[in-house]
């Protein structure tokens, strides 16, 4: 249905800004490449951290923040505090993913 509401160029998909696939209001839809759509995804459920872009390394006993952009993973550093790692991810996501950044904390 969302494809009937907005036209998307070839090679693009329709992105639901609020992540609700049933909310097909024009204001909630935007064209996106597959890469942009993946950047705007929520955090994975099978991680030990409650934040996107953050993992816990038990060997180091620290959290690490990482972001993937254009197929490359960028390490953002090790942190003793999970929230600081999540904020480092958010800062990088704003730079690398721009309007498609899915943030752990709203501004």
N, C-alpha and C. Protein backbone atom coordinates (compact mmCIF):
# COMPACT_ATOMS: atom_id res chain seq x y z
N UNK A 1 0.82 -1.19 0.00
CA UNK A 1 0.00 0.00 0.00
C UNK A 1 0.87 1.26 0.00
N UNK A 2 1.98 1.22 0.76
CA UNK A 2 2.83 2.40 0.86
C UNK A 2 3.44 2.78 -0.49
N UNK A 3 3.64 1.81 -1.36
CA UNK A 3 4.18 2.10 -2.70
C UNK A 3 3.17 2.87 -3.55
N UNK A 4 1.89 2.76 -3.22
CA UNK A 4 0.87 3.52 -3.94
C UNK A 4 0.82 4.97 -3.46
N UNK A 5 1.25 5.20 -2.25
CA UNK A 5 1.16 6.54 -1.66
C UNK A 5 2.31 7.43 -2.11
N UNK A 6 3.52 6.89 -2.14
CA UNK A 6 4.65 7.68 -2.65
C UNK A 6 5.35 6.91 -3.75
N UNK A 7 5.86 7.63 -4.69
CA UNK A 7 6.63 7.03 -5.78
C UNK A 7 8.08 6.92 -5.33
N UNK A 8 8.68 5.78 -5.60
CA UNK A 8 10.09 5.60 -5.26
C UNK A 8 10.87 5.31 -6.54
N UNK A 9 12.06 5.87 -6.65
CA UNK A 9 12.88 5.60 -7.83
C UNK A 9 13.30 4.14 -7.89
N UNK A 10 13.67 3.66 -9.05
CA UNK A 10 14.16 2.28 -9.16
C UNK A 10 15.36 2.06 -8.23
N UNK A 11 15.40 0.91 -7.59
CA UNK A 11 16.49 0.60 -6.67
C UNK A 11 16.26 1.10 -5.27
N UNK A 12 15.13 1.75 -5.04
CA UNK A 12 14.83 2.28 -3.70
C UNK A 12 13.65 1.52 -3.09
N UNK A 13 13.49 1.69 -1.80
CA UNK A 13 12.38 1.11 -1.05
C UNK A 13 11.68 2.22 -0.29
N UNK A 14 10.53 1.92 0.27
CA UNK A 14 9.81 2.88 1.10
C UNK A 14 10.21 2.64 2.56
N UNK A 15 10.66 3.70 3.21
CA UNK A 15 11.07 3.63 4.61
C UNK A 15 9.97 4.23 5.47
N UNK A 16 9.56 3.51 6.51
CA UNK A 16 8.60 4.03 7.49
C UNK A 16 9.39 4.71 8.60
N UNK A 17 9.28 6.01 8.70
CA UNK A 17 10.09 6.80 9.62
C UNK A 17 9.89 6.36 11.08
N UNK A 18 8.65 6.07 11.47
CA UNK A 18 8.40 5.68 12.86
C UNK A 18 8.46 4.17 13.09
N UNK A 19 8.94 3.42 12.11
CA UNK A 19 9.11 1.96 12.19
C UNK A 19 7.81 1.18 12.27
N UNK A 20 6.68 1.84 12.08
CA UNK A 20 5.39 1.16 12.11
C UNK A 20 4.95 0.92 10.67
N UNK A 21 5.06 -0.32 10.21
CA UNK A 21 4.73 -0.67 8.84
C UNK A 21 3.27 -0.48 8.49
N UNK A 22 2.42 -0.32 9.50
CA UNK A 22 0.99 -0.10 9.24
C UNK A 22 0.65 1.38 9.15
N UNK A 23 1.58 2.25 9.52
CA UNK A 23 1.35 3.70 9.47
C UNK A 23 1.80 4.21 8.10
N UNK A 24 0.86 4.27 7.18
CA UNK A 24 1.19 4.64 5.81
C UNK A 24 0.80 6.08 5.47
N UNK A 25 0.82 6.94 6.46
CA UNK A 25 0.59 8.37 6.18
C UNK A 25 1.78 8.89 5.39
N UNK A 26 1.51 9.78 4.43
CA UNK A 26 2.58 10.32 3.58
C UNK A 26 3.71 10.93 4.42
N UNK A 27 3.38 11.58 5.53
CA UNK A 27 4.40 12.22 6.38
C UNK A 27 5.31 11.20 7.04
N UNK A 28 4.89 9.93 7.10
CA UNK A 28 5.70 8.89 7.74
C UNK A 28 6.50 8.08 6.73
N UNK A 29 6.39 8.39 5.46
CA UNK A 29 7.05 7.62 4.42
C UNK A 29 8.11 8.45 3.71
N UNK A 30 9.20 7.78 3.33
CA UNK A 30 10.23 8.44 2.54
C UNK A 30 10.94 7.39 1.70
N UNK A 31 11.42 7.79 0.52
CA UNK A 31 12.19 6.84 -0.29
C UNK A 31 13.58 6.68 0.32
N UNK A 32 14.11 5.49 0.23
CA UNK A 32 15.44 5.21 0.78
C UNK A 32 16.08 4.09 -0.03
N UNK A 33 17.39 4.13 -0.10
CA UNK A 33 18.10 2.99 -0.67
C UNK A 33 18.06 1.87 0.38
N UNK A 34 18.41 0.68 -0.02
CA UNK A 34 18.45 -0.43 0.95
C UNK A 34 19.46 -0.12 2.06
N UNK A 35 20.59 0.47 1.70
CA UNK A 35 21.61 0.81 2.70
C UNK A 35 21.07 1.82 3.70
N UNK A 36 20.38 2.84 3.22
CA UNK A 36 19.80 3.84 4.12
C UNK A 36 18.75 3.19 5.02
N UNK A 37 17.94 2.32 4.46
CA UNK A 37 16.91 1.65 5.24
C UNK A 37 17.54 0.78 6.33
N UNK A 38 18.65 0.13 6.02
CA UNK A 38 19.34 -0.69 7.03
C UNK A 38 19.95 0.18 8.12
N UNK A 39 20.46 1.35 7.78
CA UNK A 39 21.04 2.24 8.78
C UNK A 39 20.00 2.66 9.81
N UNK A 40 18.76 2.80 9.36
CA UNK A 40 17.69 3.27 10.23
C UNK A 40 17.03 2.13 11.01
N UNK A 41 17.63 0.96 11.00
CA UNK A 41 17.04 -0.17 11.71
C UNK A 41 17.28 -0.06 13.22
N UNK A 42 16.40 -0.71 13.96
CA UNK A 42 16.54 -0.74 15.41
C UNK A 42 17.68 -1.67 15.81
N UNK A 43 18.04 -1.65 17.08
CA UNK A 43 19.12 -2.53 17.55
C UNK A 43 18.67 -3.98 17.50
N UNK A 44 19.63 -4.86 17.38
CA UNK A 44 19.33 -6.29 17.37
C UNK A 44 18.90 -6.73 18.76
N UNK A 45 18.04 -7.71 18.81
CA UNK A 45 17.51 -8.17 20.10
C UNK A 45 18.43 -9.14 20.82
N UNK A 46 19.34 -9.77 20.10
CA UNK A 46 20.17 -10.81 20.70
C UNK A 46 21.54 -10.29 21.15
N UNK A 47 21.59 -9.08 21.69
CA UNK A 47 22.86 -8.53 22.16
C UNK A 47 22.81 -8.36 23.68
N UNK A 48 23.98 -8.23 24.28
CA UNK A 48 24.05 -8.06 25.73
C UNK A 48 23.89 -6.61 26.13
N UNK A 49 23.95 -5.71 25.19
CA UNK A 49 23.75 -4.30 25.47
C UNK A 49 22.32 -3.92 25.10
N UNK A 50 21.80 -2.95 25.80
CA UNK A 50 20.46 -2.48 25.45
C UNK A 50 20.49 -1.35 24.43
N UNK A 51 21.67 -1.03 23.90
CA UNK A 51 21.82 0.08 22.97
C UNK A 51 22.35 -0.39 21.62
N UNK A 52 21.91 0.30 20.58
CA UNK A 52 22.39 0.00 19.23
C UNK A 52 23.84 0.44 19.08
N UNK A 53 24.64 -0.39 18.43
CA UNK A 53 26.03 -0.05 18.17
C UNK A 53 26.97 -0.32 19.33
N UNK A 54 26.45 -0.96 20.39
CA UNK A 54 27.25 -1.21 21.60
C UNK A 54 27.26 -2.71 21.90
N UNK A 55 28.45 -3.22 22.20
CA UNK A 55 28.61 -4.62 22.59
C UNK A 55 29.45 -4.67 23.86
N UNK A 56 29.29 -5.75 24.61
CA UNK A 56 30.11 -5.94 25.80
C UNK A 56 31.13 -7.02 25.51
N UNK A 57 32.39 -6.69 25.72
CA UNK A 57 33.47 -7.66 25.56
C UNK A 57 33.88 -8.15 26.94
N UNK A 58 33.52 -9.39 27.25
CA UNK A 58 33.79 -9.91 28.58
C UNK A 58 35.29 -10.06 28.84
N UNK A 59 36.06 -10.35 27.81
CA UNK A 59 37.51 -10.48 28.00
C UNK A 59 38.12 -9.15 28.44
N UNK A 60 37.64 -8.07 27.84
CA UNK A 60 38.14 -6.73 28.18
C UNK A 60 37.38 -6.14 29.37
N UNK A 61 36.22 -6.73 29.67
CA UNK A 61 35.32 -6.21 30.71
C UNK A 61 34.96 -4.75 30.44
N UNK A 62 34.72 -4.46 29.15
CA UNK A 62 34.34 -3.12 28.73
C UNK A 62 33.33 -3.20 27.59
N UNK A 63 32.66 -2.07 27.39
CA UNK A 63 31.75 -1.93 26.26
C UNK A 63 32.52 -1.32 25.10
N UNK A 64 32.18 -1.76 23.89
CA UNK A 64 32.79 -1.19 22.70
C UNK A 64 31.68 -0.63 21.82
N UNK A 65 31.93 0.54 21.27
CA UNK A 65 30.98 1.16 20.35
C UNK A 65 31.54 1.02 18.93
N UNK A 66 30.68 0.59 18.01
CA UNK A 66 31.07 0.43 16.61
C UNK A 66 29.93 0.89 15.73
N UNK A 67 30.29 1.35 14.54
CA UNK A 67 29.28 1.73 13.55
C UNK A 67 29.74 1.21 12.20
N UNK A 68 28.80 0.78 11.39
CA UNK A 68 29.12 0.31 10.04
C UNK A 68 28.57 1.31 9.04
N UNK A 69 29.42 1.72 8.13
CA UNK A 69 29.01 2.65 7.08
C UNK A 69 29.69 2.27 5.78
N UNK A 70 28.93 2.21 4.73
CA UNK A 70 29.44 1.84 3.41
C UNK A 70 30.22 0.54 3.45
N UNK A 71 29.77 -0.42 4.25
CA UNK A 71 30.40 -1.72 4.32
C UNK A 71 31.63 -1.80 5.21
N UNK A 72 32.02 -0.70 5.81
CA UNK A 72 33.19 -0.67 6.69
C UNK A 72 32.76 -0.47 8.14
N UNK A 73 33.33 -1.26 9.04
CA UNK A 73 33.04 -1.10 10.45
C UNK A 73 34.09 -0.20 11.08
N UNK A 74 33.61 0.82 11.78
CA UNK A 74 34.49 1.79 12.43
C UNK A 74 34.36 1.59 13.94
N UNK A 75 35.48 1.32 14.61
CA UNK A 75 35.49 1.19 16.06
C UNK A 75 35.53 2.59 16.66
N UNK A 76 34.64 2.85 17.59
CA UNK A 76 34.54 4.17 18.21
C UNK A 76 35.18 4.21 19.59
N UNK A 77 35.68 3.08 20.04
CA UNK A 77 36.40 3.04 21.30
C UNK A 77 35.79 2.10 22.32
N UNK A 78 36.56 1.89 23.40
CA UNK A 78 36.14 1.07 24.54
C UNK A 78 35.71 1.98 25.67
N UNK A 79 34.68 1.55 26.40
CA UNK A 79 34.12 2.36 27.47
C UNK A 79 33.79 1.47 28.67
N UNK A 80 34.01 1.97 29.87
CA UNK A 80 33.60 1.23 31.06
C UNK A 80 32.12 1.43 31.33
N UNK A 81 31.54 2.48 30.74
CA UNK A 81 30.14 2.82 30.95
C UNK A 81 29.35 2.59 29.66
N UNK A 82 28.29 1.81 29.74
CA UNK A 82 27.47 1.46 28.57
C UNK A 82 26.82 2.70 27.96
N UNK A 83 26.39 3.63 28.78
CA UNK A 83 25.73 4.84 28.27
C UNK A 83 26.70 5.72 27.49
N UNK A 84 27.94 5.83 27.96
CA UNK A 84 28.94 6.61 27.22
C UNK A 84 29.22 5.97 25.86
N UNK A 85 29.24 4.66 25.81
CA UNK A 85 29.44 3.97 24.53
C UNK A 85 28.26 4.24 23.59
N UNK A 86 27.05 4.22 24.13
CA UNK A 86 25.85 4.49 23.32
C UNK A 86 25.86 5.93 22.81
N UNK A 87 26.31 6.86 23.62
CA UNK A 87 26.38 8.26 23.18
C UNK A 87 27.45 8.44 22.11
N UNK A 88 28.54 7.69 22.19
CA UNK A 88 29.57 7.74 21.15
C UNK A 88 29.00 7.22 19.83
N UNK A 89 28.19 6.15 19.91
CA UNK A 89 27.54 5.63 18.71
C UNK A 89 26.60 6.69 18.11
N UNK A 90 25.79 7.32 18.96
CA UNK A 90 24.85 8.33 18.47
C UNK A 90 25.57 9.47 17.76
N UNK A 91 26.67 9.91 18.33
CA UNK A 91 27.44 11.01 17.73
C UNK A 91 27.94 10.60 16.34
N UNK A 92 28.46 9.38 16.23
CA UNK A 92 28.94 8.90 14.94
C UNK A 92 27.79 8.68 13.96
N UNK A 93 26.66 8.19 14.45
CA UNK A 93 25.51 7.93 13.58
C UNK A 93 25.01 9.23 12.94
N UNK A 94 25.03 10.31 13.70
CA UNK A 94 24.61 11.60 13.15
C UNK A 94 25.54 12.04 12.02
N UNK A 95 26.82 11.74 12.16
CA UNK A 95 27.81 12.13 11.14
C UNK A 95 27.71 11.22 9.91
N UNK A 96 27.72 9.91 10.13
CA UNK A 96 27.76 8.97 9.03
C UNK A 96 26.40 8.72 8.37
N UNK A 97 25.34 8.64 9.18
CA UNK A 97 24.03 8.25 8.66
C UNK A 97 23.07 9.42 8.46
N UNK A 98 23.42 10.57 8.95
CA UNK A 98 22.64 11.80 8.78
C UNK A 98 21.16 11.59 9.13
N UNK A 99 20.25 11.90 8.22
CA UNK A 99 18.81 11.82 8.55
C UNK A 99 18.33 10.38 8.71
N UNK A 100 19.15 9.40 8.34
CA UNK A 100 18.78 8.00 8.51
C UNK A 100 19.39 7.40 9.78
N UNK A 101 19.93 8.22 10.64
CA UNK A 101 20.52 7.74 11.89
C UNK A 101 19.43 7.28 12.84
N UNK A 102 19.57 6.08 13.37
CA UNK A 102 18.68 5.60 14.43
C UNK A 102 19.44 5.78 15.73
N UNK A 103 18.97 6.69 16.57
CA UNK A 103 19.71 7.07 17.77
C UNK A 103 19.22 6.32 19.00
N UNK A 104 20.13 6.11 19.93
CA UNK A 104 19.78 5.50 21.21
C UNK A 104 19.07 6.50 22.12
N UNK A 105 19.46 7.77 22.00
CA UNK A 105 18.89 8.83 22.82
C UNK A 105 18.38 9.93 21.91
N UNK A 106 17.16 10.40 22.15
CA UNK A 106 16.66 11.51 21.35
C UNK A 106 17.30 12.81 21.85
N UNK A 107 17.46 13.74 20.94
CA UNK A 107 18.11 15.01 21.32
C UNK A 107 17.27 15.82 22.27
